[in-house]
Amino acid sequence: MRYFKRLVAMMMVMVMALSCTATAFATEADEVEGTAHELYYTTYNEKGEIVEEGIIPLNENGKYTWTDSLTLGNGWYTCFRQPGPKAFYATDDTKLTFSYKLDRSAKIQYYFYQDTVAETIYPTTWKSGTKTSSGTSISYTTNKDAYYFVGVTNVSSDDITISNVSFVF
């Protein structure tokens, strides 16, 4: 029974991750490097239903930093992309850093997605892992020119509030 619950939970995470992308019929994004974009987020509950969507504005340094917050229930997922929703284009050997703060120490699962197009139904999970803390920065260096975005799932038993989100590259 315990194995079955874990299997169902992982399947739900994959469903939410896949539903966090746009349709395959949309046109590919312009590859304009150095252009400032807003950071768009979508939050899904444990059933894969959209709970909240919004925009995280750029700060004065041209970085994606958000001082507001959103609450994730157990099993809830949120992803951070460009409006559209589209992934961000990054060239080979670019350092991607995702940072966040939580209202308490909690366990989250994070996903860095990589794909050959900005909008995709089935993104590739490029890097993933689990962190238990009240906030951290997670960095990876890209291994090719591609499109990237980040997602987070609350895997702790209680609700968490995520704030001070930034995605810098």
C-alpha atoms as a PDB file:
ATOM      1  CA  MET A   1       0.000   0.000   0.000  1.00  0.00           C
ATOM      2  CA  ARG A   2       2.864   2.378   0.840  1.00  0.00           C
ATOM      3  CA  TYR A   3       4.519   1.683  -2.517  1.00  0.00           C
ATOM      4  CA  PHE A   4       1.218   2.283  -4.295  1.00  0.00           C
ATOM      5  CA  LYS A   5       0.769   5.684  -2.576  1.00  0.00           C
ATOM      6  CA  ARG A   6       4.260   6.764  -3.636  1.00  0.00           C
ATOM      7  CA  LEU A   7       3.616   5.595  -7.171  1.00  0.00           C
ATOM      8  CA  VAL A   8       0.350   7.554  -7.325  1.00  0.00           C
ATOM      9  CA  ALA A   9       2.068  10.649  -5.889  1.00  0.00           C
ATOM     10  CA  MET A  10       4.848  10.499  -8.490  1.00  0.00           C
ATOM     11  CA  MET A  11       2.287  10.055 -11.262  1.00  0.00           C
ATOM     12  CA  MET A  12       0.416  13.135 -10.003  1.00  0.00           C
ATOM     13  CA  VAL A  13       3.634  15.174 -10.022  1.00  0.00           C
ATOM     14  CA  MET A  14       4.304  14.143 -13.622  1.00  0.00           C
ATOM     15  CA  VAL A  15       0.735  15.017 -14.661  1.00  0.00           C
ATOM     16  CA  MET A  16       1.082  18.441 -13.053  1.00  0.00           C
ATOM     17  CA  ALA A  17       4.488  18.983 -14.660  1.00  0.00           C
ATOM     18  CA  LEU A  18       3.157  18.075 -18.074  1.00  0.00           C
ATOM     19  CA  SER A  19       0.094  20.266 -17.689  1.00  0.00           C
ATOM     20  CA  CYS A  20       2.360  23.183 -16.758  1.00  0.00           C
ATOM     21  CA  THR A  21       3.333  23.677 -20.396  1.00  0.00           C
ATOM     22  CA  ALA A  22       1.561  25.255 -23.335  1.00  0.00           C
ATOM     23  CA  THR A  23       0.049  23.568 -26.359  1.00  0.00           C
ATOM     24  CA  ALA A  24       2.234  22.101 -29.068  1.00  0.00           C
ATOM     25  CA  PHE A  25       0.413  24.153 -31.676  1.00  0.00           C
ATOM     26  CA  ALA A  26       1.820  27.481 -30.497  1.00  0.00           C
ATOM     27  CA  THR A  27       4.635  29.049 -32.469  1.00  0.00           C
ATOM     28  CA  GLU A  28       8.209  28.978 -31.228  1.00  0.00           C
ATOM     29  CA  ALA A  29       9.408  31.966 -29.177  1.00  0.00           C
ATOM     30  CA  ASP A  30      11.807  34.570 -30.504  1.00  0.00           C
ATOM     31  CA  GLU A  31      15.350  33.858 -29.428  1.00  0.00           C
ATOM     32  CA  VAL A  32      16.224  37.373 -28.250  1.00  0.00           C
ATOM     33  CA  GLU A  33      19.028  37.140 -25.730  1.00  0.00           C
ATOM     34  CA  GLY A  34      19.480  39.910 -23.205  1.00  0.00           C
ATOM     35  CA  THR A  35      15.819  40.916 -23.355  1.00  0.00           C
ATOM     36  CA  ALA A  36      14.069  41.328 -20.016  1.00  0.00           C
ATOM     37  CA  HIS A  37      10.962  39.207 -19.539  1.00  0.00           C
ATOM     38  CA  GLU A  38       8.464  38.888 -16.732  1.00  0.00           C
ATOM     39  CA  LEU A  39       8.418  35.649 -14.737  1.00  0.00           C
ATOM     40  CA  TYR A  40       5.061  33.860 -14.947  1.00  0.00           C
ATOM     41  CA  TYR A  41       3.937  31.266 -12.405  1.00  0.00           C
ATOM     42  CA  THR A  42       1.158  28.680 -12.390  1.00  0.00           C
ATOM     43  CA  THR A  43       0.180  26.743  -9.260  1.00  0.00           C
ATOM     44  CA  TYR A  44      -1.595  23.372  -9.390  1.00  0.00           C
ATOM     45  CA  ASN A  45      -3.252  21.483  -6.531  1.00  0.00           C
ATOM     46  CA  GLU A  46      -2.728  17.766  -5.916  1.00  0.00           C
ATOM     47  CA  LYS A  47      -5.469  16.978  -8.470  1.00  0.00           C
ATOM     48  CA  GLY A  48      -3.686  18.897 -11.238  1.00  0.00           C
ATOM     49  CA  GLU A  49      -6.205  21.760 -11.220  1.00  0.00           C
ATOM     50  CA  ILE A  50      -4.934  25.327 -11.654  1.00  0.00           C
ATOM     51  CA  VAL A  51      -5.251  27.186  -8.352  1.00  0.00           C
ATOM     52  CA  GLU A  52      -3.390  30.416  -9.068  1.00  0.00           C
ATOM     53  CA  GLU A  53      -1.540  32.188 -11.864  1.00  0.00           C
ATOM     54  CA  GLY A  54       0.424  35.385 -11.776  1.00  0.00           C
ATOM     55  CA  ILE A  55       3.381  37.487 -12.863  1.00  0.00           C
ATOM     56  CA  ILE A  56       6.588  38.121 -10.922  1.00  0.00           C
ATOM     57  CA  PRO A  57       8.034  41.451 -12.144  1.00  0.00           C
ATOM     58  CA  LEU A  58      11.698  42.200 -12.805  1.00  0.00           C
ATOM     59  CA  ASN A  59      13.488  44.206 -10.132  1.00  0.00           C
ATOM     60  CA  GLU A  60      15.713  47.216 -10.819  1.00  0.00           C
ATOM     61  CA  ASN A  61      18.734  44.940 -11.474  1.00  0.00           C
ATOM     62  CA  GLY A  62      16.938  43.066 -14.274  1.00  0.00           C
ATOM     63  CA  LYS A  63      16.602  39.915 -12.182  1.00  0.00           C
ATOM     64  CA  TYR A  64      13.454  37.929 -11.414  1.00  0.00           C
ATOM     65  CA  THR A  65      12.829  38.541  -7.739  1.00  0.00           C
ATOM     66  CA  TRP A  66       9.478  38.402  -5.997  1.00  0.00           C
ATOM     67  CA  THR A  67       8.787  39.534  -2.461  1.00  0.00           C
ATOM     68  CA  ASP A  68       5.143  38.462  -2.423  1.00  0.00           C
ATOM     69  CA  SER A  69       4.244  34.867  -1.581  1.00  0.00           C
ATOM     70  CA  LEU A  70       2.078  31.903  -2.491  1.00  0.00           C
ATOM     71  CA  THR A  71       0.973  28.912  -0.452  1.00  0.00           C
ATOM     72  CA  LEU A  72       1.464  25.337  -1.621  1.00  0.00           C
ATOM     73  CA  GLY A  73      -0.532  22.550   0.008  1.00  0.00           C
ATOM     74  CA  ASN A  74       0.851  19.029   0.295  1.00  0.00           C
ATOM     75  CA  GLY A  75       1.448  17.698  -3.223  1.00  0.00           C
ATOM     76  CA  TRP A  76       0.868  21.098  -4.856  1.00  0.00           C
ATOM     77  CA  TYR A  77       3.143  22.136  -7.708  1.00  0.00           C
ATOM     78  CA  THR A  78       4.144  25.505  -9.158  1.00  0.00           C
ATOM     79  CA  CYS A  79       6.319  26.335 -12.145  1.00  0.00           C
ATOM     80  CA  PHE A  80       8.108  29.524 -13.178  1.00  0.00           C
ATOM     81  CA  ARG A  81       8.331  30.490 -16.884  1.00  0.00           C
ATOM     82  CA  GLN A  82       7.881  33.405 -19.258  1.00  0.00           C
ATOM     83  CA  PRO A  83       4.341  34.610 -19.976  1.00  0.00           C
ATOM     84  CA  GLY A  84       2.818  32.647 -22.802  1.00  0.00           C
ATOM     85  CA  PRO A  85       3.679  30.329 -21.021  1.00  0.00           C
ATOM     86  CA  LYS A  86       7.115  29.748 -22.516  1.00  0.00           C
ATOM     87  CA  ALA A  87      10.475  28.520 -21.290  1.00  0.00           C
ATOM     88  CA  PHE A  88      13.560  30.762 -21.218  1.00  0.00           C
ATOM     89  CA  TYR A  89      16.250  30.442 -23.857  1.00  0.00           C
ATOM     90  CA  ALA A  90      19.773  29.957 -22.490  1.00  0.00           C
ATOM     91  CA  THR A  91      22.978  29.160 -24.301  1.00  0.00           C
ATOM     92  CA  ASP A  92      25.468  26.412 -23.484  1.00  0.00           C
ATOM     93  CA  ASP A  93      27.512  26.950 -20.293  1.00  0.00           C
ATOM     94  CA  THR A  94      25.036  29.417 -18.741  1.00  0.00           C
ATOM     95  CA  LYS A  95      24.586  29.224 -14.966  1.00  0.00           C
ATOM     96  CA  LEU A  96      20.910  28.975 -13.927  1.00  0.00           C
ATOM     97  CA  THR A  97      20.126  29.787 -10.278  1.00  0.00           C
ATOM     98  CA  PHE A  98      16.719  29.297  -8.660  1.00  0.00           C
ATOM     99  CA  SER A  99      16.329  30.736  -5.136  1.00  0.00           C
ATOM    100  CA  TYR A 100      13.421  30.779  -2.707  1.00  0.00           C
ATOM    101  CA  LYS A 101      12.462  31.256   0.943  1.00  0.00           C
ATOM    102  CA  LEU A 102       9.845  29.313   2.899  1.00  0.00           C
ATOM    103  CA  ASP A 103       7.882  30.282   6.005  1.00  0.00           C
ATOM    104  CA  ARG A 104       9.394  27.272   7.803  1.00  0.00           C
ATOM    105  CA  SER A 105      11.785  24.410   7.190  1.00  0.00           C
ATOM    106  CA  ALA A 106      10.062  22.044   4.768  1.00  0.00           C
ATOM    107  CA  LYS A 107      10.762  19.466   2.089  1.00  0.00           C
ATOM    108  CA  ILE A 108      10.344  20.428  -1.565  1.00  0.00           C
ATOM    109  CA  GLN A 109      11.096  18.645  -4.802  1.00  0.00           C
ATOM    110  CA  TYR A 110      12.508  20.838  -7.566  1.00  0.00           C
ATOM    111  CA  TYR A 111      12.718  20.312 -11.323  1.00  0.00           C
ATOM    112  CA  PHE A 112      14.800  22.088 -13.950  1.00  0.00           C
ATOM    113  CA  TYR A 113      13.211  21.401 -17.333  1.00  0.00           C
ATOM    114  CA  GLN A 114      15.017  21.519 -20.673  1.00  0.00           C
ATOM    115  CA  ASP A 115      13.608  21.338 -24.182  1.00  0.00           C
ATOM    116  CA  THR A 116      14.353  22.202 -27.796  1.00  0.00           C
ATOM    117  CA  VAL A 117      11.291  24.476 -28.114  1.00  0.00           C
ATOM    118  CA  ALA A 118       9.926  27.221 -25.866  1.00  0.00           C
ATOM    119  CA  GLU A 119       6.440  25.694 -25.706  1.00  0.00           C
ATOM    120  CA  THR A 120       6.042  21.973 -25.251  1.00  0.00           C
ATOM    121  CA  ILE A 121       3.536  19.511 -23.888  1.00  0.00           C
ATOM    122  CA  TYR A 122       6.210  17.059 -22.739  1.00  0.00           C
ATOM    123  CA  PRO A 123       9.249  18.843 -21.277  1.00  0.00           C
ATOM    124  CA  THR A 124      12.327  16.873 -20.372  1.00  0.00           C
ATOM    125  CA  THR A 125      13.267  16.871 -16.685  1.00  0.00           C
ATOM    126  CA  TRP A 126      16.895  17.900 -17.015  1.00  0.00           C
ATOM    127  CA  LYS A 127      17.828  18.108 -13.315  1.00  0.00           C
ATOM    128  CA  SER A 128      15.768  17.380 -10.207  1.00  0.00           C
ATOM    129  CA  GLY A 129      16.186  16.764  -6.523  1.00  0.00           C
ATOM    130  CA  THR A 130      14.784  17.216  -3.052  1.00  0.00           C
ATOM    131  CA  LYS A 131      15.712  19.916  -0.518  1.00  0.00           C
ATOM    132  CA  THR A 132      14.709  20.260   3.114  1.00  0.00           C
ATOM    133  CA  SER A 133      15.301  23.787   4.384  1.00  0.00           C
ATOM    134  CA  SER A 134      13.624  27.132   4.923  1.00  0.00           C
ATOM    135  CA  GLY A 135      15.204  28.482   1.760  1.00  0.00           C
ATOM    136  CA  THR A 136      18.105  27.915  -0.554  1.00  0.00           C
ATOM    137  CA  SER A 137      19.619  28.547  -3.961  1.00  0.00           C
ATOM    138  CA  ILE A 138      19.922  25.753  -6.494  1.00  0.00           C
ATOM    139  CA  SER A 139      22.284  26.228  -9.437  1.00  0.00           C
ATOM    140  CA  TYR A 140      23.124  24.239 -12.537  1.00  0.00           C
ATOM    141  CA  THR A 141      25.162  25.114 -15.617  1.00  0.00           C
ATOM    142  CA  THR A 142      23.493  24.412 -18.944  1.00  0.00           C
ATOM    143  CA  ASN A 143      24.975  21.729 -21.170  1.00  0.00           C
ATOM    144  CA  LYS A 144      23.558  23.013 -24.472  1.00  0.00           C
ATOM    145  CA  ASP A 145      21.605  25.818 -26.123  1.00  0.00           C
ATOM    146  CA  ALA A 146      17.995  25.102 -25.156  1.00  0.00           C
ATOM    147  CA  TYR A 147      14.860  26.339 -23.396  1.00  0.00           C
ATOM    148  CA  TYR A 148      14.652  26.048 -19.587  1.00  0.00           C
ATOM    149  CA  PHE A 149      12.178  26.592 -16.753  1.00  0.00           C
ATOM    150  CA  VAL A 150      11.806  25.562 -13.088  1.00  0.00           C
ATOM    151  CA  GLY A 151       9.088  23.788 -11.089  1.00  0.00           C
ATOM    152  CA  VAL A 152       8.632  23.046  -7.369  1.00  0.00           C
ATOM    153  CA  THR A 153       6.408  20.542  -5.510  1.00  0.00           C
ATOM    154  CA  ASN A 154       5.613  20.666  -1.784  1.00  0.00           C
ATOM    155  CA  VAL A 155       6.381  17.155  -0.509  1.00  0.00           C
ATOM    156  CA  SER A 156       6.082  18.011   3.193  1.00  0.00           C
ATOM    157  CA  SER A 157       2.930  17.070   5.098  1.00  0.00           C
ATOM    158  CA  ASP A 158       1.713  20.634   5.795  1.00  0.00           C
ATOM    159  CA  ASP A 159       1.164  23.747   3.703  1.00  0.00           C
ATOM    160  CA  ILE A 160       4.193  25.924   2.964  1.00  0.00           C
ATOM    161  CA  THR A 161       4.407  29.554   1.923  1.00  0.00           C
ATOM    162  CA  ILE A 162       7.051  30.269  -0.688  1.00  0.00           C
ATOM    163  CA  SER A 163       8.387  33.805  -1.074  1.00  0.00           C
ATOM    164  CA  ASN A 164      11.383  35.781  -2.299  1.00  0.00           C
ATOM    165  CA  VAL A 165      11.545  33.694  -5.470  1.00  0.00           C
ATOM    166  CA  SER A 166      14.231  34.473  -8.019  1.00  0.00           C
ATOM    167  CA  PHE A 167      15.406  32.823 -11.221  1.00  0.00           C
ATOM    168  CA  VAL A 168      18.662  34.265 -12.477  1.00  0.00           C
ATOM    169  CA  PHE A 169      20.740  33.261 -15.481  1.00  0.00           C
END
